[in-house]
Amino acid sequence: MLSLASTIDRGVFDAPRRIGCFSYGSGCSSEFYSGVATPFGQQKIRTMQLEKHLDSRHQLTMKEYETLLEGSNAVKFGTRNVVLNTDLLPRVWQSIADTTARGGTKRIFLAEIKEFYRRYEWVG
């Protein structure tokens, strides 16, 4: 979806144009999206300021990344029930709290999977 949003955000759409995007799903599935992008749609995407939001993400250290990989072993394809351990990366949570305190936006995270249903929560 980010690829599609970026194409619409950065493309030239002074008139409606058909675009397509192929998404490879890491062996699980793949999809091809096709649609018509319009100047109005491009304006809607641009007002979301996706690049600004992506640039404001917390950059993980290599150690945090490895901790996340080891600790997130509980979530795999077909996971039925799990409560995610939010204590794995305390520096990330503090960064989110600091950003929100300075007027930044809240973040959403996967808190739990219960009977295959994913429950997300806002933090910040």
C-alpha atoms as a PDB file:
ATOM      1  CA  MET A   1       0.000   0.000   0.000  1.00  0.00           C
ATOM      2  CA  LEU A   2       2.901   2.355   0.680  1.00  0.00           C
ATOM      3  CA  SER A   3       4.169   1.818  -2.850  1.00  0.00           C
ATOM      4  CA  LEU A   4       0.749   2.635  -4.254  1.00  0.00           C
ATOM      5  CA  ALA A   5       0.354   5.710  -2.039  1.00  0.00           C
ATOM      6  CA  SER A   6       3.842   6.913  -3.001  1.00  0.00           C
ATOM      7  CA  THR A   7       3.099   6.473  -6.708  1.00  0.00           C
ATOM      8  CA  ILE A   8      -0.036   8.581  -6.376  1.00  0.00           C
ATOM      9  CA  ASP A   9       1.693  11.168  -4.164  1.00  0.00           C
ATOM     10  CA  ARG A  10       4.694  11.680  -6.455  1.00  0.00           C
ATOM     11  CA  GLY A  11       3.174  11.018  -9.879  1.00  0.00           C
ATOM     12  CA  VAL A  12       1.837  13.464 -12.422  1.00  0.00           C
ATOM     13  CA  PHE A  13      -1.938  13.248 -12.356  1.00  0.00           C
ATOM     14  CA  ASP A  14      -3.225  16.348 -14.090  1.00  0.00           C
ATOM     15  CA  ALA A  15      -5.844  14.041 -15.616  1.00  0.00           C
ATOM     16  CA  PRO A  16      -7.131  10.590 -14.584  1.00  0.00           C
ATOM     17  CA  ARG A  17      -4.546   7.854 -15.294  1.00  0.00           C
ATOM     18  CA  ARG A  18      -4.646   4.099 -14.877  1.00  0.00           C
ATOM     19  CA  ILE A  19      -1.917   2.750 -12.616  1.00  0.00           C
ATOM     20  CA  GLY A  20      -1.031  -0.705 -11.332  1.00  0.00           C
ATOM     21  CA  CYS A  21       0.934  -2.077  -8.412  1.00  0.00           C
ATOM     22  CA  PHE A  22       2.108  -5.626  -7.763  1.00  0.00           C
ATOM     23  CA  SER A  23       2.423  -6.750  -4.148  1.00  0.00           C
ATOM     24  CA  TYR A  24       4.442  -9.847  -3.326  1.00  0.00           C
ATOM     25  CA  GLY A  25       3.354 -11.430  -0.048  1.00  0.00           C
ATOM     26  CA  SER A  26       6.512 -13.314   1.033  1.00  0.00           C
ATOM     27  CA  GLY A  27       5.208 -16.709  -0.044  1.00  0.00           C
ATOM     28  CA  CYS A  28       1.818 -16.275   1.612  1.00  0.00           C
ATOM     29  CA  SER A  29       0.059 -14.480  -1.215  1.00  0.00           C
ATOM     30  CA  SER A  30       0.512 -11.848  -3.883  1.00  0.00           C
ATOM     31  CA  GLU A  31      -1.841  -9.355  -5.463  1.00  0.00           C
ATOM     32  CA  PHE A  32      -1.996  -6.952  -8.367  1.00  0.00           C
ATOM     33  CA  TYR A  33      -3.881  -3.721  -7.820  1.00  0.00           C
ATOM     34  CA  SER A  34      -5.134  -1.642 -10.728  1.00  0.00           C
ATOM     35  CA  GLY A  35      -7.102   1.550 -10.586  1.00  0.00           C
ATOM     36  CA  VAL A  36      -7.453   5.073 -11.862  1.00  0.00           C
ATOM     37  CA  ALA A  37      -5.661   7.866 -10.027  1.00  0.00           C
ATOM     38  CA  THR A  38      -7.145  11.351 -10.310  1.00  0.00           C
ATOM     39  CA  PRO A  39      -5.960  14.831  -9.367  1.00  0.00           C
ATOM     40  CA  PHE A  40      -8.519  14.818  -6.511  1.00  0.00           C
ATOM     41  CA  GLY A  41      -7.193  11.491  -5.203  1.00  0.00           C
ATOM     42  CA  GLN A  42      -3.641  12.769  -5.391  1.00  0.00           C
ATOM     43  CA  GLN A  43      -4.588  15.840  -3.353  1.00  0.00           C
ATOM     44  CA  LYS A  44      -6.224  13.619  -0.698  1.00  0.00           C
ATOM     45  CA  ILE A  45      -3.054  11.493  -0.458  1.00  0.00           C
ATOM     46  CA  ARG A  46      -0.841  14.589  -0.217  1.00  0.00           C
ATOM     47  CA  THR A  47      -2.879  16.051   2.654  1.00  0.00           C
ATOM     48  CA  MET A  48      -2.062  12.909   4.663  1.00  0.00           C
ATOM     49  CA  GLN A  49       1.654  13.841   4.639  1.00  0.00           C
ATOM     50  CA  LEU A  50       2.678  10.182   4.618  1.00  0.00           C
ATOM     51  CA  GLU A  51       6.371  10.931   4.077  1.00  0.00           C
ATOM     52  CA  LYS A  52       6.448  13.203   7.138  1.00  0.00           C
ATOM     53  CA  HIS A  53       4.838  10.485   9.276  1.00  0.00           C
ATOM     54  CA  LEU A  54       7.198   7.804   7.985  1.00  0.00           C
ATOM     55  CA  ASP A  55      10.220  10.048   8.616  1.00  0.00           C
ATOM     56  CA  SER A  56       9.107  10.576  12.232  1.00  0.00           C
ATOM     57  CA  ARG A  57       9.241   6.866  13.082  1.00  0.00           C
ATOM     58  CA  HIS A  58      11.602   5.688  15.803  1.00  0.00           C
ATOM     59  CA  GLN A  59      14.804   4.294  14.300  1.00  0.00           C
ATOM     60  CA  LEU A  60      15.736   1.006  15.951  1.00  0.00           C
ATOM     61  CA  THR A  61      19.279   0.185  16.930  1.00  0.00           C
ATOM     62  CA  MET A  62      20.606  -3.163  15.745  1.00  0.00           C
ATOM     63  CA  LYS A  63      20.270  -4.481  19.320  1.00  0.00           C
ATOM     64  CA  GLU A  64      16.611  -3.368  19.485  1.00  0.00           C
ATOM     65  CA  TYR A  65      15.953  -4.978  16.121  1.00  0.00           C
ATOM     66  CA  GLU A  66      17.455  -8.281  17.268  1.00  0.00           C
ATOM     67  CA  THR A  67      15.475  -8.098  20.532  1.00  0.00           C
ATOM     68  CA  LEU A  68      12.299  -7.499  18.551  1.00  0.00           C
ATOM     69  CA  LEU A  69      13.016 -10.442  16.244  1.00  0.00           C
ATOM     70  CA  GLU A  70      13.625 -12.783  19.175  1.00  0.00           C
ATOM     71  CA  GLY A  71      10.716 -11.468  21.228  1.00  0.00           C
ATOM     72  CA  SER A  72       8.215 -11.413  18.403  1.00  0.00           C
ATOM     73  CA  ASN A  73       8.545 -15.127  17.738  1.00  0.00           C
ATOM     74  CA  ALA A  74       5.119 -15.443  19.326  1.00  0.00           C
ATOM     75  CA  VAL A  75       3.489 -13.921  16.221  1.00  0.00           C
ATOM     76  CA  LYS A  76       3.600 -16.130  13.163  1.00  0.00           C
ATOM     77  CA  PHE A  77       1.251 -16.891  10.320  1.00  0.00           C
ATOM     78  CA  GLY A  78      -1.833 -18.522  11.801  1.00  0.00           C
ATOM     79  CA  THR A  79      -1.245 -17.296  15.368  1.00  0.00           C
ATOM     80  CA  ARG A  80      -4.500 -17.818  17.200  1.00  0.00           C
ATOM     81  CA  ASN A  81      -3.902 -16.279  20.645  1.00  0.00           C
ATOM     82  CA  VAL A  82      -1.095 -14.105  21.993  1.00  0.00           C
ATOM     83  CA  VAL A  83      -0.629 -10.955  24.060  1.00  0.00           C
ATOM     84  CA  LEU A  84       2.316  -8.960  22.783  1.00  0.00           C
ATOM     85  CA  ASN A  85       5.140  -8.110  25.176  1.00  0.00           C
ATOM     86  CA  THR A  86       5.400  -4.322  25.171  1.00  0.00           C
ATOM     87  CA  ASP A  87       8.349  -4.424  27.602  1.00  0.00           C
ATOM     88  CA  LEU A  88      10.740  -5.582  24.867  1.00  0.00           C
ATOM     89  CA  LEU A  89      11.655  -2.080  23.682  1.00  0.00           C
ATOM     90  CA  PRO A  90      11.247   0.486  26.482  1.00  0.00           C
ATOM     91  CA  ARG A  91      13.238   3.152  24.582  1.00  0.00           C
ATOM     92  CA  VAL A  92      10.719   2.990  21.721  1.00  0.00           C
ATOM     93  CA  TRP A  93       7.767   3.547  24.049  1.00  0.00           C
ATOM     94  CA  GLN A  94       9.578   6.467  25.691  1.00  0.00           C
ATOM     95  CA  SER A  95      10.306   7.979  22.272  1.00  0.00           C
ATOM     96  CA  ILE A  96       6.624   7.736  21.352  1.00  0.00           C
ATOM     97  CA  ALA A  97       5.600   9.341  24.659  1.00  0.00           C
ATOM     98  CA  ASP A  98       8.118  12.166  24.156  1.00  0.00           C
ATOM     99  CA  THR A  99       6.930  12.787  20.589  1.00  0.00           C
ATOM    100  CA  THR A 100       3.291  12.888  21.672  1.00  0.00           C
ATOM    101  CA  ALA A 101       4.117  15.262  24.544  1.00  0.00           C
ATOM    102  CA  ARG A 102       5.635  17.661  21.976  1.00  0.00           C
ATOM    103  CA  GLY A 103       2.383  17.626  19.987  1.00  0.00           C
ATOM    104  CA  GLY A 104       3.170  14.653  17.764  1.00  0.00           C
ATOM    105  CA  THR A 105       0.609  12.118  16.710  1.00  0.00           C
ATOM    106  CA  LYS A 106      -0.333   9.009  18.641  1.00  0.00           C
ATOM    107  CA  ARG A 107       0.847   5.631  17.340  1.00  0.00           C
ATOM    108  CA  ILE A 108      -1.082   2.434  16.939  1.00  0.00           C
ATOM    109  CA  PHE A 109       0.334  -0.981  17.789  1.00  0.00           C
ATOM    110  CA  LEU A 110      -0.726  -4.609  17.787  1.00  0.00           C
ATOM    111  CA  ALA A 111      -1.571  -5.403  21.400  1.00  0.00           C
ATOM    112  CA  GLU A 112      -3.123  -8.855  21.176  1.00  0.00           C
ATOM    113  CA  ILE A 113      -4.383 -11.616  18.924  1.00  0.00           C
ATOM    114  CA  LYS A 114      -7.419 -13.369  20.363  1.00  0.00           C
ATOM    115  CA  GLU A 115      -9.054 -16.164  18.376  1.00  0.00           C
ATOM    116  CA  PHE A 116      -7.296 -14.808  15.246  1.00  0.00           C
ATOM    117  CA  TYR A 117      -8.739 -11.324  15.795  1.00  0.00           C
ATOM    118  CA  ARG A 118      -6.046  -8.644  15.927  1.00  0.00           C
ATOM    119  CA  ARG A 119      -6.631  -5.952  18.542  1.00  0.00           C
ATOM    120  CA  TYR A 120      -4.718  -2.696  18.167  1.00  0.00           C
ATOM    121  CA  GLU A 121      -4.278   0.077  20.727  1.00  0.00           C
ATOM    122  CA  TRP A 122      -3.219   3.698  20.555  1.00  0.00           C
ATOM    123  CA  VAL A 123      -0.167   4.806  22.524  1.00  0.00           C
ATOM    124  CA  GLY A 124       1.041   8.292  23.280  1.00  0.00           C
END
